Amino acid sequence: MKKTFFTSVLLVLFLAASCSDKKVADETKTKQLTEKQISALRFDIAELQQLEGEITLNGKVIPDENNLVNVFPMIGGKVISVNFEIGDLVDTRKALVTLNSGEAREFEKELLAAEDEYQIAKKNYQIQQDLFKTSFSTERELAYAKKDLQLAKAELDRLKEVYEVYSITEGGKYVVKSPVAGFILEKKVGPNMQIRSDASDYLFSVARLDEVYVAFDIYEKDIPKIKMGQQVKIQTIASDSIIRGTISRIENLIDPITRTIKARVLLKNNGYKLKPEMFCSGKLNFKEDGQMIAIDKNAIIFDKNKYFVMVFHSKKNIETREVEIYTQTDKAAFISSGLAAGEKLITKNQLYVYDALND
């Protein structure tokens, strides 16, 4: 009798539990999104695409060597003034440095002598012309006077060109000017320095910065992935904006210390926002062999050290599915397992749906 009663109690408890589980299952099964909730979602279709990879690059801004000039002294002397500093914008008319030069004084002396010789030769030629007209001078003497005038003028013109090239001013001052307009990148001169004309070092380094290179370091393992013409998305620490450029030059020499080569991107530098030595990061996509399922990377949910997506079958049937990611780019995620082409995924507000279905 007791055994029968105990069995009856167990049966009642089992039936009650079964009914409770069925009720919960039915409630879960009948959960569905409203039209308003669906309108707040965005969707993407899983597609089979050419496999892509992405490399993150590090580099810095450097001037174009074709627009970089090192300014050397042409004659020696003592520095009496320095008019510009590193970072200043200069043109071809303004004096960078002024020197008090003994060599410049010698040129000045020669120029004064040449001017005197020219005036003498000119006067003598005029006299010979007058004498020749009155038969007091021969044609031969007139020819010699003309020749002396031509030689004197040639010497005077030569010294004037020297003056212009050397930028020598009155009083034996030698003025150093930049041959190009640009920014001073290096300065190796100061007041009262003694400059030699045969010095091996330059005084200034001046560069045009309307176009600059971003030079990226490419590690040996990534060299096969880098091609001329590939697009690179570039960012600097100073700005959140994206600069787009293409690889225009790949160097062939490996740096023995860093074990990298340089890949360069030539950029227009509007407003001189890119400064030499400024740090840059870049992202470069490259093609790989084969195809794989690709989805919008916004669809990915990371939870419990796993990756999930929300597969939308209907408003009554939304599935949480674990996937394995092969690689990601800035826009797409390539899925090695867990999805098939054509499946519909939630890409916006999917985390709210995930929490509602999995809590």
Protein backbone atom coordinates (compact mmCIF):
# COMPACT_ATOMS: atom_id res chain seq x y z
CA MET A 1 0.00 0.00 0.00
CA LYS A 2 2.82 2.35 0.97
CA LYS A 3 4.71 1.39 -2.22
CA THR A 4 1.70 2.18 -4.38
CA PHE A 5 1.21 5.54 -2.65
CA PHE A 6 4.91 6.46 -3.13
CA THR A 7 4.77 5.53 -6.81
CA SER A 8 1.67 7.66 -7.27
CA VAL A 9 3.39 10.68 -5.70
CA LEU A 10 6.40 10.33 -8.03
CA LEU A 11 4.11 10.10 -11.05
CA VAL A 12 2.27 13.27 -10.06
CA LEU A 13 5.58 15.18 -9.58
CA PHE A 14 6.92 13.96 -12.95
CA LEU A 15 3.74 15.02 -14.75
CA ALA A 16 3.82 18.41 -13.03
CA ALA A 17 7.48 18.95 -14.04
CA SER A 18 6.76 17.84 -17.61
CA CYS A 19 3.90 20.32 -17.86
CA SER A 20 6.08 23.11 -16.50
CA ASP A 21 8.92 22.39 -19.01
CA LYS A 22 6.43 22.21 -21.85
CA LYS A 23 4.97 25.58 -20.84
CA VAL A 24 8.44 27.26 -20.88
CA ALA A 25 9.32 25.61 -24.17
CA ASP A 26 6.05 26.80 -25.67
CA GLU A 27 6.66 30.34 -24.40
CA THR A 28 10.18 30.36 -25.92
CA LYS A 29 8.91 28.88 -29.12
CA THR A 30 6.26 31.56 -29.45
CA LYS A 31 8.71 34.45 -28.89
CA GLN A 32 8.88 36.62 -32.00
CA LEU A 33 10.07 40.06 -33.01
CA THR A 34 7.57 42.79 -33.73
CA GLU A 35 7.67 44.77 -36.94
CA LYS A 36 9.00 47.76 -34.99
CA GLN A 37 11.84 45.65 -33.56
CA ILE A 38 12.69 44.25 -37.01
CA SER A 39 12.84 47.77 -38.46
CA ALA A 40 15.65 48.59 -35.99
CA LEU A 41 17.78 45.74 -37.34
CA ARG A 42 20.11 45.58 -40.33
CA PHE A 43 20.91 42.48 -42.33
CA ASP A 44 23.64 41.04 -44.51
CA ILE A 45 23.84 37.93 -46.69
CA ALA A 46 26.78 35.53 -46.33
CA GLU A 47 28.56 35.29 -49.69
CA LEU A 48 31.35 33.24 -51.17
CA GLN A 49 34.13 35.71 -52.02
CA GLN A 50 37.77 35.91 -53.05
CA LEU A 51 39.81 35.46 -49.88
CA GLU A 52 41.49 38.65 -48.65
CA GLY A 53 44.03 39.40 -45.96
CA GLU A 54 45.00 42.60 -44.21
CA ILE A 55 48.39 43.89 -43.06
CA THR A 56 48.85 46.66 -40.50
CA LEU A 57 51.85 48.81 -41.43
CA ASN A 58 53.94 51.28 -39.47
CA GLY A 59 56.00 54.07 -40.99
CA LYS A 60 56.78 57.77 -41.02
CA VAL A 61 56.61 60.83 -43.25
CA ILE A 62 59.80 61.63 -45.19
CA PRO A 63 60.50 64.30 -47.83
CA ASP A 64 60.83 63.43 -51.49
CA GLU A 65 64.59 63.28 -52.15
CA ASN A 66 64.01 64.88 -55.57
CA ASN A 67 62.71 67.97 -53.76
CA LEU A 68 65.44 68.01 -51.08
CA VAL A 69 68.49 70.29 -51.38
CA ASN A 70 71.52 70.56 -49.13
CA VAL A 71 72.94 74.10 -49.12
CA PHE A 72 76.75 74.29 -49.14
CA PRO A 73 78.92 77.44 -48.86
CA MET A 74 80.61 78.41 -52.11
CA ILE A 75 83.23 80.61 -50.43
CA GLY A 76 84.48 80.81 -46.86
CA GLY A 77 84.15 83.43 -44.16
CA LYS A 78 82.90 84.27 -40.68
CA VAL A 79 79.16 84.07 -39.97
CA ILE A 80 77.77 87.45 -38.93
CA SER A 81 74.04 86.63 -39.06
CA VAL A 82 71.72 83.60 -39.28
CA ASN A 83 68.21 84.54 -40.33
CA PHE A 84 66.20 81.29 -40.21
CA GLU A 85 65.66 78.30 -37.94
CA ILE A 86 64.57 74.68 -38.41
CA GLY A 87 60.97 74.50 -39.64
CA ASP A 88 60.93 77.96 -41.22
CA LEU A 89 59.60 78.44 -44.74
CA VAL A 90 62.15 80.10 -47.03
CA ASP A 91 62.28 81.22 -50.64
CA THR A 92 65.10 81.82 -53.12
CA ARG A 93 65.34 85.57 -52.48
CA LYS A 94 65.98 85.76 -48.74
CA ALA A 95 69.40 85.38 -47.11
CA LEU A 96 69.80 82.31 -44.93
CA VAL A 97 73.25 83.32 -43.66
CA THR A 98 75.51 86.32 -44.19
CA LEU A 99 79.31 85.89 -44.01
CA ASN A 100 82.09 88.43 -43.71
CA SER A 101 84.42 86.96 -46.33
CA GLY A 102 87.97 87.72 -47.43
CA GLU A 103 87.32 85.82 -50.65
CA ALA A 104 84.29 88.00 -51.31
CA ARG A 105 86.45 91.11 -50.87
CA GLU A 106 88.91 89.76 -53.44
CA PHE A 107 86.04 89.28 -55.90
CA GLU A 108 84.85 92.81 -55.13
CA LYS A 109 88.38 94.13 -55.82
CA GLU A 110 88.52 92.23 -59.11
CA LEU A 111 85.10 93.58 -60.11
CA LEU A 112 86.14 97.19 -59.46
CA ALA A 113 89.32 96.65 -61.46
CA ALA A 114 87.36 95.07 -64.30
CA GLU A 115 84.95 98.03 -64.37
CA ASP A 116 87.92 100.41 -64.61
CA GLU A 117 89.51 98.36 -67.39
CA TYR A 118 86.23 98.34 -69.27
CA GLN A 119 85.82 102.13 -69.01
CA ILE A 120 89.42 102.65 -70.17
CA ALA A 121 89.00 100.25 -73.10
CA LYS A 122 85.71 101.89 -74.04
CA LYS A 123 87.24 105.36 -73.97
CA ASN A 124 90.27 104.22 -75.98
CA TYR A 125 88.05 102.63 -78.62
CA GLN A 126 86.08 105.89 -78.98
CA ILE A 127 89.36 107.82 -79.40
CA GLN A 128 90.61 105.37 -82.03
CA GLN A 129 87.33 105.71 -83.91
CA ASP A 130 87.69 109.50 -83.97
CA LEU A 131 91.37 109.28 -85.05
CA PHE A 132 90.51 106.75 -87.76
CA LYS A 133 87.91 109.13 -89.16
CA THR A 134 90.55 111.87 -89.45
CA SER A 135 93.21 109.44 -90.79
CA PHE A 136 95.38 109.83 -87.70
CA SER A 137 94.91 106.16 -86.83
CA THR A 138 95.15 103.01 -88.89
CA GLU A 139 92.51 100.33 -89.30
CA ARG A 140 94.83 97.92 -87.46
CA GLU A 141 94.98 100.18 -84.36
CA LEU A 142 91.19 100.53 -84.43
CA ALA A 143 90.82 96.72 -84.56
CA TYR A 144 93.17 96.31 -81.55
CA ALA A 145 91.15 98.88 -79.58
CA LYS A 146 87.91 97.07 -80.41
CA LYS A 147 89.42 93.74 -79.35
CA ASP A 148 90.59 95.23 -76.01
CA LEU A 149 87.06 96.55 -75.41
CA GLN A 150 85.52 93.14 -76.09
CA LEU A 151 87.94 91.41 -73.70
CA ALA A 152 87.34 93.99 -70.98
CA LYS A 153 83.57 93.61 -71.32
CA ALA A 154 83.79 89.81 -71.22
CA GLU A 155 85.83 89.94 -67.98
CA LEU A 156 83.38 92.41 -66.46
CA ASP A 157 80.39 90.22 -67.41
CA ARG A 158 82.15 87.18 -65.93
CA LEU A 159 82.72 88.88 -62.59
CA LYS A 160 79.15 90.17 -62.50
CA GLU A 161 77.90 86.61 -62.98
CA VAL A 162 80.20 85.47 -60.16
CA TYR A 163 78.71 88.20 -57.99
CA GLU A 164 75.20 87.04 -58.83
CA VAL A 165 75.92 83.34 -58.34
CA TYR A 166 77.82 83.89 -55.08
CA SER A 167 75.37 86.55 -53.89
CA ILE A 168 78.19 88.92 -52.93
CA THR A 169 77.05 92.29 -51.62
CA GLU A 170 78.85 95.58 -51.14
CA GLY A 171 81.56 95.52 -48.52
CA GLY A 172 82.68 91.96 -49.19
CA LYS A 173 79.65 90.25 -47.65
CA TYR A 174 78.75 86.78 -48.89
CA VAL A 175 75.04 85.91 -48.67
CA VAL A 176 73.95 82.26 -48.66
CA LYS A 177 70.52 81.72 -50.25
CA SER A 178 68.43 78.63 -50.80
CA PRO A 179 68.26 77.44 -54.42
CA VAL A 180 64.68 76.21 -53.85
CA ALA A 181 61.65 77.41 -51.88
CA GLY A 182 60.81 75.07 -49.02
CA PHE A 183 61.13 74.27 -45.33
CA ILE A 184 64.38 74.07 -43.40
CA LEU A 185 64.77 70.51 -42.14
CA GLU A 186 68.34 70.78 -40.82
CA LYS A 187 70.55 73.66 -39.70
CA LYS A 188 74.26 73.24 -38.98
CA VAL A 189 75.45 76.82 -38.68
CA GLY A 190 75.44 79.50 -36.00
CA PRO A 191 76.69 83.07 -35.42
CA ASN A 192 80.48 83.64 -35.36
CA MET A 193 81.24 80.25 -36.90
CA GLN A 194 84.18 80.15 -39.31
CA ILE A 195 83.09 78.57 -42.58
CA ARG A 196 85.58 77.04 -45.01
CA SER A 197 84.90 77.01 -48.73
CA ASP A 198 86.09 73.39 -48.94
CA ALA A 199 83.88 72.23 -46.05
CA SER A 200 82.42 68.77 -46.61
CA ASP A 201 79.29 69.43 -44.52
CA TYR A 202 76.29 71.49 -45.59
CA LEU A 203 74.85 74.49 -43.75
CA PHE A 204 71.14 73.85 -44.31
CA SER A 205 68.87 71.14 -45.65
CA VAL A 206 65.82 72.58 -47.43
CA ALA A 207 62.90 70.59 -48.84
CA ARG A 208 59.70 71.26 -50.70
CA LEU A 209 56.88 69.60 -48.77
CA ASP A 210 53.94 70.03 -51.13
CA GLU A 211 54.46 66.33 -51.88
CA VAL A 212 55.86 63.86 -49.33
CA TYR A 213 56.39 60.13 -48.96
CA VAL A 214 55.07 57.89 -46.23
CA ALA A 215 57.71 55.16 -45.90
CA PHE A 216 56.35 51.92 -44.37
CA ASP A 217 58.42 49.09 -42.93
CA ILE A 218 57.64 45.74 -44.58
CA TYR A 219 58.81 42.60 -42.79
CA GLU A 220 60.33 39.75 -44.78
CA LYS A 221 57.29 37.47 -44.34
CA ASP A 222 55.04 40.16 -45.86
CA ILE A 223 57.20 41.10 -48.85
CA PRO A 224 55.37 38.72 -51.28
CA LYS A 225 52.06 40.37 -50.36
CA ILE A 226 53.16 43.90 -51.32
CA LYS A 227 52.67 45.06 -54.92
CA MET A 228 53.01 48.35 -56.77
CA GLY A 229 49.72 50.21 -57.02
CA GLN A 230 48.09 48.65 -53.95
CA GLN A 231 45.88 51.03 -51.99
CA VAL A 232 46.83 51.90 -48.42
CA LYS A 233 44.60 53.59 -45.84
CA ILE A 234 46.81 55.88 -43.77
CA GLN A 235 46.28 57.53 -40.39
CA THR A 236 48.43 59.77 -38.25
CA ILE A 237 48.37 60.31 -34.50
CA ALA A 238 47.59 63.97 -35.12
CA SER A 239 44.34 63.26 -37.00
CA ASP A 240 41.56 60.65 -37.10
CA SER A 241 40.93 61.23 -40.81
CA ILE A 242 41.84 58.54 -43.33
CA ILE A 243 44.28 59.38 -46.13
CA ARG A 244 44.19 57.08 -49.14
CA GLY A 245 47.24 56.48 -51.29
CA THR A 246 48.86 53.84 -53.44
CA ILE A 247 52.25 52.21 -53.20
CA SER A 248 54.46 54.00 -55.71
CA ARG A 249 57.86 52.60 -54.82
CA ILE A 250 59.18 49.39 -53.23
CA GLU A 251 62.84 49.32 -52.23
CA ASN A 252 64.88 46.19 -52.86
CA LEU A 253 67.39 46.45 -50.02
CA ILE A 254 66.68 44.86 -46.63
CA ASP A 255 67.71 46.78 -43.54
CA PRO A 256 70.13 44.43 -41.71
CA ILE A 257 68.98 45.66 -38.29
CA THR A 258 65.18 45.77 -38.64
CA ARG A 259 65.00 43.04 -41.34
CA THR A 260 62.55 45.15 -43.31
CA ILE A 261 62.28 46.86 -46.68
CA LYS A 262 60.60 50.20 -47.36
CA ALA A 263 57.38 50.61 -49.32
CA ARG A 264 56.59 54.23 -50.16
CA VAL A 265 53.31 56.04 -50.73
CA LEU A 266 53.54 59.46 -52.43
CA LEU A 267 50.95 61.94 -51.10
CA LYS A 268 49.86 65.49 -51.85
CA ASN A 269 50.51 67.52 -48.71
CA ASN A 270 47.78 70.16 -48.77
CA GLY A 271 48.24 72.69 -45.99
CA TYR A 272 51.51 70.99 -45.00
CA LYS A 273 49.62 68.83 -42.49
CA LEU A 274 52.07 65.96 -42.93
CA LYS A 275 55.35 66.80 -41.19
CA PRO A 276 58.68 65.01 -41.76
CA GLU A 277 59.24 62.24 -39.16
CA MET A 278 55.52 62.15 -38.28
CA PHE A 279 54.47 58.59 -37.30
CA CYS A 280 51.88 56.91 -39.54
CA SER A 281 49.96 53.65 -39.49
CA GLY A 282 48.45 52.02 -42.54
CA LYS A 283 46.18 49.16 -43.51
CA LEU A 284 46.69 47.26 -46.74
CA ASN A 285 44.42 44.53 -48.13
CA PHE A 286 45.84 41.79 -50.33
CA LYS A 287 44.36 38.88 -52.28
CA GLU A 288 44.90 35.27 -51.20
CA ASP A 289 44.33 32.05 -53.12
CA GLY A 290 40.88 30.47 -52.87
CA GLN A 291 37.41 31.54 -51.79
CA MET A 292 35.61 31.59 -48.45
CA ILE A 293 32.34 32.72 -46.87
CA ALA A 294 32.54 36.48 -46.21
CA ILE A 295 30.22 38.50 -43.96
CA ASP A 296 30.01 42.04 -42.62
CA LYS A 297 32.36 42.08 -39.62
CA ASN A 298 29.71 44.01 -37.66
CA ALA A 299 27.68 40.79 -37.46
CA ILE A 300 30.29 39.14 -35.21
CA ILE A 301 29.53 38.73 -31.49
CA PHE A 302 32.37 37.74 -29.15
CA ASP A 303 31.24 36.03 -25.95
CA LYS A 304 32.72 33.36 -23.67
CA ASN A 305 35.90 33.30 -25.78
CA LYS A 306 33.89 32.27 -28.82
CA TYR A 307 32.51 33.99 -31.92
CA PHE A 308 28.79 33.96 -32.72
CA VAL A 309 26.41 35.34 -35.34
CA MET A 310 22.63 35.72 -35.30
CA VAL A 311 21.13 33.85 -38.28
CA PHE A 312 17.74 35.29 -39.24
CA HIS A 313 15.37 32.66 -40.66
CA SER A 314 12.15 34.53 -39.85
CA LYS A 315 10.80 36.81 -37.13
CA LYS A 316 9.81 33.65 -35.25
CA ASN A 317 13.06 31.83 -35.90
CA ILE A 318 16.38 33.53 -35.07
CA GLU A 319 19.32 31.24 -34.44
CA THR A 320 22.46 31.84 -32.39
CA ARG A 321 25.28 30.09 -34.20
CA GLU A 322 28.95 29.69 -33.33
CA VAL A 323 31.42 30.38 -36.15
CA GLU A 324 35.17 30.16 -36.70
CA ILE A 325 36.93 33.20 -38.17
CA TYR A 326 39.78 32.65 -40.61
CA THR A 327 40.76 36.33 -40.92
CA GLN A 328 39.27 39.83 -40.82
CA THR A 329 39.76 43.00 -42.82
CA ASP A 330 38.52 46.48 -41.95
CA LYS A 331 35.07 45.60 -43.33
CA ALA A 332 34.69 41.84 -43.76
CA ALA A 333 35.19 38.68 -41.75
CA PHE A 334 36.02 35.45 -43.57
CA ILE A 335 34.36 32.42 -41.96
CA SER A 336 36.09 29.02 -42.13
CA SER A 337 33.17 27.08 -40.57
CA GLY A 338 29.67 27.63 -39.25
CA LEU A 339 27.97 29.41 -42.15
CA ALA A 340 26.78 28.69 -45.67
CA ALA A 341 26.41 31.05 -48.60
CA GLY A 342 23.03 32.75 -48.76
CA GLU A 343 22.27 32.77 -45.04
CA LYS A 344 20.87 36.00 -43.64
CA LEU A 345 22.61 37.62 -40.68
CA ILE A 346 21.74 40.47 -38.31
CA THR A 347 24.44 43.18 -38.45
CA LYS A 348 22.89 45.94 -36.32
CA ASN A 349 21.47 45.61 -32.79
CA GLN A 350 22.23 41.90 -32.95
CA LEU A 351 23.71 42.02 -29.46
CA TYR A 352 20.30 42.87 -27.97
CA VAL A 353 18.76 39.91 -29.80
CA TYR A 354 21.60 37.68 -28.63
CA ASP A 355 21.12 38.71 -24.99
CA ALA A 356 17.35 38.22 -25.19
CA LEU A 357 17.65 34.71 -26.62
CA ASN A 358 20.61 33.48 -24.60
CA ASP A 359 20.14 34.87 -21.08
